[in-house]
Amino acid sequence: MDAVTGSVKDQVVNVLKGTGEVAGTGVESVASVASGAIKGAAQVGSALTDTITGTMSGVVKGAGQVGGDIIGAVRGAAEGIVKATADTGGDVGSAAVDAVSGAIKAAGDVGADTAEAAKSAVGGAMEAATSVGGDAADKVRDALLSAAALPRDVVESALKGSDDKK
């Protein structure tokens, strides 16, 4: 386990033990942990792809360790990742793709439902992009749909669900 994954996992464990679940406050707290990891990486010039993957892995492992809602935690993490990337002037489309890809891998590593993790990550990424404003939502949507590494049917389904909530 790399340093980012371990640090994020420990923070998520502490947050979820404090809130008791990944609902409401827990999702916001997970988003805050993920956001902090991305902003920290941006400050020191670390590669965001590796940081995003490590962050998502730490969130999933942390939620799993305390018996928390992994899928809810994934949504919060994707939201925090995309929002922090926007805040630091990074590429929100690439961040969203990395977050969804990281969610799929991390969920698979712990035996969670990878399709649900992907849908949840897409939802969190789109929610963050919409809150950022400007053309962020279009950039995220386009990047997710054009990413060859992501399961297109799952992404399309999640995007449709995201559109229905507007």
C-alpha atoms as a PDB file:
ATOM      1  CA  MET A   1       0.000   0.000   0.000  1.00  0.00           C
ATOM      2  CA  ASP A   2       1.493   3.347  -0.993  1.00  0.00           C
ATOM      3  CA  ALA A   3       1.657   6.412   1.261  1.00  0.00           C
ATOM      4  CA  VAL A   4      -1.397   8.130  -0.254  1.00  0.00           C
ATOM      5  CA  THR A   5      -3.554   5.013   0.016  1.00  0.00           C
ATOM      6  CA  GLY A   6      -2.485   4.385   3.613  1.00  0.00           C
ATOM      7  CA  SER A   7      -2.976   7.974   4.723  1.00  0.00           C
ATOM      8  CA  VAL A   8      -6.380   8.310   3.061  1.00  0.00           C
ATOM      9  CA  LYS A   9      -7.487   4.923   4.412  1.00  0.00           C
ATOM     10  CA  ASP A  10      -6.560   5.930   7.954  1.00  0.00           C
ATOM     11  CA  GLN A  11      -8.384   9.260   7.633  1.00  0.00           C
ATOM     12  CA  VAL A  12     -11.504   7.589   6.230  1.00  0.00           C
ATOM     13  CA  VAL A  13     -11.487   4.999   9.027  1.00  0.00           C
ATOM     14  CA  ASN A  14     -11.321   7.799  11.601  1.00  0.00           C
ATOM     15  CA  VAL A  15     -14.057   9.827   9.885  1.00  0.00           C
ATOM     16  CA  LEU A  16     -16.409   6.875   9.537  1.00  0.00           C
ATOM     17  CA  LYS A  17     -15.851   5.713  13.086  1.00  0.00           C
ATOM     18  CA  GLY A  18     -16.759   9.244  14.174  1.00  0.00           C
ATOM     19  CA  THR A  19     -19.910   9.549  12.052  1.00  0.00           C
ATOM     20  CA  GLY A  20     -20.933   5.902  12.220  1.00  0.00           C
ATOM     21  CA  GLU A  21     -21.849   5.620   8.548  1.00  0.00           C
ATOM     22  CA  VAL A  22     -21.346   6.992   5.072  1.00  0.00           C
ATOM     23  CA  ALA A  23     -24.541   8.985   4.847  1.00  0.00           C
ATOM     24  CA  GLY A  24     -24.909  12.734   4.862  1.00  0.00           C
ATOM     25  CA  THR A  25     -22.033  13.881   7.045  1.00  0.00           C
ATOM     26  CA  GLY A  26     -19.968  10.789   6.218  1.00  0.00           C
ATOM     27  CA  VAL A  27     -20.114  11.385   2.451  1.00  0.00           C
ATOM     28  CA  GLU A  28     -19.169  15.030   2.928  1.00  0.00           C
ATOM     29  CA  SER A  29     -16.301  14.026   5.212  1.00  0.00           C
ATOM     30  CA  VAL A  30     -15.013  11.466   2.712  1.00  0.00           C
ATOM     31  CA  ALA A  31     -15.224  14.129  -0.025  1.00  0.00           C
ATOM     32  CA  SER A  32     -13.185  16.439   2.213  1.00  0.00           C
ATOM     33  CA  VAL A  33     -10.503  13.785   2.800  1.00  0.00           C
ATOM     34  CA  ALA A  34     -10.257  13.088  -0.946  1.00  0.00           C
ATOM     35  CA  SER A  35     -10.156  16.795  -1.730  1.00  0.00           C
ATOM     36  CA  GLY A  36      -7.324  17.322   0.749  1.00  0.00           C
ATOM     37  CA  ALA A  37      -5.263  14.560  -0.833  1.00  0.00           C
ATOM     38  CA  ILE A  38      -5.650  16.060  -4.310  1.00  0.00           C
ATOM     39  CA  LYS A  39      -4.907  19.616  -3.190  1.00  0.00           C
ATOM     40  CA  GLY A  40      -1.832  18.398  -1.331  1.00  0.00           C
ATOM     41  CA  ALA A  41      -0.570  16.572  -4.391  1.00  0.00           C
ATOM     42  CA  ALA A  42      -1.149  19.633  -6.565  1.00  0.00           C
ATOM     43  CA  GLN A  43       0.856  21.794  -4.151  1.00  0.00           C
ATOM     44  CA  VAL A  44       3.889  19.540  -4.332  1.00  0.00           C
ATOM     45  CA  GLY A  45       3.554  18.790  -8.043  1.00  0.00           C
ATOM     46  CA  SER A  46       2.778  15.085  -7.700  1.00  0.00           C
ATOM     47  CA  ALA A  47       1.207  13.164 -10.569  1.00  0.00           C
ATOM     48  CA  LEU A  48      -2.543  13.466 -10.084  1.00  0.00           C
ATOM     49  CA  THR A  49      -3.374  10.152 -11.763  1.00  0.00           C
ATOM     50  CA  ASP A  50      -1.417   8.204  -9.144  1.00  0.00           C
ATOM     51  CA  THR A  51      -2.792  10.363  -6.342  1.00  0.00           C
ATOM     52  CA  ILE A  52      -6.368   9.903  -7.539  1.00  0.00           C
ATOM     53  CA  THR A  53      -5.930   6.130  -7.798  1.00  0.00           C
ATOM     54  CA  GLY A  54      -4.335   5.973  -4.346  1.00  0.00           C
ATOM     55  CA  THR A  55      -7.032   8.200  -2.880  1.00  0.00           C
ATOM     56  CA  MET A  56      -9.858   6.066  -4.251  1.00  0.00           C
ATOM     57  CA  SER A  57      -8.138   2.902  -3.056  1.00  0.00           C
ATOM     58  CA  GLY A  58      -7.692   4.352   0.433  1.00  0.00           C
ATOM     59  CA  VAL A  59     -11.331   5.449   0.585  1.00  0.00           C
ATOM     60  CA  VAL A  60     -12.601   2.009  -0.435  1.00  0.00           C
ATOM     61  CA  LYS A  61     -10.253   0.177   1.945  1.00  0.00           C
ATOM     62  CA  GLY A  62     -11.107   2.531   4.792  1.00  0.00           C
ATOM     63  CA  ALA A  63     -14.856   2.205   4.295  1.00  0.00           C
ATOM     64  CA  GLY A  64     -14.498  -1.560   3.991  1.00  0.00           C
ATOM     65  CA  GLN A  65     -12.398  -1.794   7.167  1.00  0.00           C
ATOM     66  CA  VAL A  66     -15.134  -0.224   9.298  1.00  0.00           C
ATOM     67  CA  GLY A  67     -17.999  -2.010   7.510  1.00  0.00           C
ATOM     68  CA  GLY A  68     -19.112   1.263   5.943  1.00  0.00           C
ATOM     69  CA  ASP A  69     -20.969   1.944   2.731  1.00  0.00           C
ATOM     70  CA  ILE A  70     -18.244   1.499   0.115  1.00  0.00           C
ATOM     71  CA  ILE A  71     -20.454   2.718  -2.732  1.00  0.00           C
ATOM     72  CA  GLY A  72     -21.411   5.869  -0.820  1.00  0.00           C
ATOM     73  CA  ALA A  73     -17.766   6.471   0.037  1.00  0.00           C
ATOM     74  CA  VAL A  74     -16.818   6.142  -3.643  1.00  0.00           C
ATOM     75  CA  ARG A  75     -19.356   8.835  -4.537  1.00  0.00           C
ATOM     76  CA  GLY A  76     -17.943  11.179  -1.912  1.00  0.00           C
ATOM     77  CA  ALA A  77     -14.384  10.516  -3.025  1.00  0.00           C
ATOM     78  CA  ALA A  78     -15.155  11.153  -6.704  1.00  0.00           C
ATOM     79  CA  GLU A  79     -16.915  14.369  -5.739  1.00  0.00           C
ATOM     80  CA  GLY A  80     -13.941  15.548  -3.662  1.00  0.00           C
ATOM     81  CA  ILE A  81     -11.442  14.562  -6.351  1.00  0.00           C
ATOM     82  CA  VAL A  82     -13.184  16.458  -9.159  1.00  0.00           C
ATOM     83  CA  LYS A  83     -13.905  19.517  -7.006  1.00  0.00           C
ATOM     84  CA  ALA A  84     -10.302  19.738  -5.756  1.00  0.00           C
ATOM     85  CA  THR A  85      -8.969  19.278  -9.283  1.00  0.00           C
ATOM     86  CA  ALA A  86     -11.140  22.178 -10.445  1.00  0.00           C
ATOM     87  CA  ASP A  87     -10.039  24.275  -7.465  1.00  0.00           C
ATOM     88  CA  THR A  88      -6.375  23.737  -8.346  1.00  0.00           C
ATOM     89  CA  GLY A  89      -6.848  24.423 -12.069  1.00  0.00           C
ATOM     90  CA  GLY A  90      -6.413  20.815 -13.147  1.00  0.00           C
ATOM     91  CA  ASP A  91      -8.138  18.841 -15.897  1.00  0.00           C
ATOM     92  CA  VAL A  92     -11.520  17.864 -14.445  1.00  0.00           C
ATOM     93  CA  GLY A  93     -12.243  15.449 -17.299  1.00  0.00           C
ATOM     94  CA  SER A  94      -9.077  13.453 -16.710  1.00  0.00           C
ATOM     95  CA  ALA A  95      -9.649  13.550 -12.952  1.00  0.00           C
ATOM     96  CA  ALA A  96     -13.153  12.129 -13.391  1.00  0.00           C
ATOM     97  CA  VAL A  97     -11.901   9.320 -15.638  1.00  0.00           C
ATOM     98  CA  ASP A  98      -9.123   8.490 -13.149  1.00  0.00           C
ATOM     99  CA  ALA A  99     -11.629   8.560 -10.258  1.00  0.00           C
ATOM    100  CA  VAL A 100     -14.048   6.174 -11.993  1.00  0.00           C
ATOM    101  CA  SER A 101     -11.234   3.885 -13.113  1.00  0.00           C
ATOM    102  CA  GLY A 102      -9.774   3.921  -9.596  1.00  0.00           C
ATOM    103  CA  ALA A 103     -13.190   3.160  -8.097  1.00  0.00           C
ATOM    104  CA  ILE A 104     -13.635   0.140 -10.354  1.00  0.00           C
ATOM    105  CA  LYS A 105     -10.186  -1.218  -9.494  1.00  0.00           C
ATOM    106  CA  ALA A 106     -10.482  -0.533  -5.757  1.00  0.00           C
ATOM    107  CA  ALA A 107     -13.973  -2.055  -5.538  1.00  0.00           C
ATOM    108  CA  GLY A 108     -12.745  -5.145  -7.384  1.00  0.00           C
ATOM    109  CA  ASP A 109      -9.788  -5.446  -5.003  1.00  0.00           C
ATOM    110  CA  VAL A 110     -12.124  -5.702  -1.988  1.00  0.00           C
ATOM    111  CA  GLY A 111     -14.842  -7.779  -3.677  1.00  0.00           C
ATOM    112  CA  ALA A 112     -17.403  -4.955  -3.944  1.00  0.00           C
ATOM    113  CA  ASP A 113     -19.726  -4.456  -6.933  1.00  0.00           C
ATOM    114  CA  THR A 114     -17.567  -2.773  -9.580  1.00  0.00           C
ATOM    115  CA  ALA A 115     -20.493  -1.625 -11.728  1.00  0.00           C
ATOM    116  CA  GLU A 116     -22.153   0.056  -8.736  1.00  0.00           C
ATOM    117  CA  ALA A 117     -18.836   1.630  -7.770  1.00  0.00           C
ATOM    118  CA  ALA A 118     -18.455   2.986 -11.310  1.00  0.00           C
ATOM    119  CA  LYS A 119     -21.988   4.400 -11.319  1.00  0.00           C
ATOM    120  CA  SER A 120     -21.453   5.987  -7.923  1.00  0.00           C
ATOM    121  CA  ALA A 121     -18.134   7.534  -8.988  1.00  0.00           C
ATOM    122  CA  VAL A 122     -19.721   8.923 -12.178  1.00  0.00           C
ATOM    123  CA  GLY A 123     -22.536  10.419 -10.080  1.00  0.00           C
ATOM    124  CA  GLY A 124     -20.104  12.038  -7.655  1.00  0.00           C
ATOM    125  CA  ALA A 125     -17.918  13.374 -10.455  1.00  0.00           C
ATOM    126  CA  MET A 126     -20.919  14.869 -12.260  1.00  0.00           C
ATOM    127  CA  GLU A 127     -22.295  16.390  -9.061  1.00  0.00           C
ATOM    128  CA  ALA A 128     -18.958  18.087  -8.374  1.00  0.00           C
ATOM    129  CA  ALA A 129     -18.590  19.262 -11.970  1.00  0.00           C
ATOM    130  CA  THR A 130     -22.095  20.718 -11.951  1.00  0.00           C
ATOM    131  CA  SER A 131     -21.375  22.578  -8.696  1.00  0.00           C
ATOM    132  CA  VAL A 132     -18.104  23.938 -10.127  1.00  0.00           C
ATOM    133  CA  GLY A 133     -20.058  25.488 -12.996  1.00  0.00           C
ATOM    134  CA  GLY A 134     -18.838  26.782 -16.325  1.00  0.00           C
ATOM    135  CA  ASP A 135     -18.164  24.006 -18.799  1.00  0.00           C
ATOM    136  CA  ALA A 136     -16.885  21.560 -16.154  1.00  0.00           C
ATOM    137  CA  ALA A 137     -19.914  19.255 -16.427  1.00  0.00           C
ATOM    138  CA  ASP A 138     -19.550  19.056 -20.219  1.00  0.00           C
ATOM    139  CA  LYS A 139     -15.819  18.339 -19.902  1.00  0.00           C
ATOM    140  CA  VAL A 140     -16.449  15.569 -17.367  1.00  0.00           C
ATOM    141  CA  ARG A 141     -19.294  14.024 -19.388  1.00  0.00           C
ATOM    142  CA  ASP A 142     -17.259  14.087 -22.627  1.00  0.00           C
ATOM    143  CA  ALA A 143     -14.170  12.624 -20.951  1.00  0.00           C
ATOM    144  CA  LEU A 144     -16.154   9.821 -19.307  1.00  0.00           C
ATOM    145  CA  LEU A 145     -17.915   8.897 -22.551  1.00  0.00           C
ATOM    146  CA  SER A 146     -14.716   8.911 -24.599  1.00  0.00           C
ATOM    147  CA  ALA A 147     -12.558   6.955 -22.125  1.00  0.00           C
ATOM    148  CA  ALA A 148     -11.799   3.587 -23.684  1.00  0.00           C
ATOM    149  CA  ALA A 149     -10.820   2.115 -20.291  1.00  0.00           C
ATOM    150  CA  LEU A 150     -14.293   2.617 -18.794  1.00  0.00           C
ATOM    151  CA  PRO A 151     -17.353   0.393 -19.377  1.00  0.00           C
ATOM    152  CA  ARG A 152     -19.409   2.639 -21.684  1.00  0.00           C
ATOM    153  CA  ASP A 153     -22.779   1.035 -20.870  1.00  0.00           C
ATOM    154  CA  VAL A 154     -22.275   1.615 -17.145  1.00  0.00           C
ATOM    155  CA  VAL A 155     -21.087   5.202 -17.701  1.00  0.00           C
ATOM    156  CA  GLU A 156     -24.060   5.977 -19.973  1.00  0.00           C
ATOM    157  CA  SER A 157     -26.480   4.534 -17.434  1.00  0.00           C
ATOM    158  CA  ALA A 158     -24.936   6.578 -14.625  1.00  0.00           C
ATOM    159  CA  LEU A 159     -24.946   9.744 -16.716  1.00  0.00           C
ATOM    160  CA  LYS A 160     -28.611   9.215 -17.531  1.00  0.00           C
ATOM    161  CA  GLY A 161     -29.320   8.852 -13.805  1.00  0.00           C
ATOM    162  CA  SER A 162     -27.337  12.021 -13.177  1.00  0.00           C
ATOM    163  CA  ASP A 163     -29.333  13.891 -15.828  1.00  0.00           C
ATOM    164  CA  ASP A 164     -32.643  12.654 -14.350  1.00  0.00           C
ATOM    165  CA  LYS A 165     -31.775  14.228 -10.976  1.00  0.00           C
ATOM    166  CA  LYS A 166     -31.464  17.738 -12.424  1.00  0.00           C
END
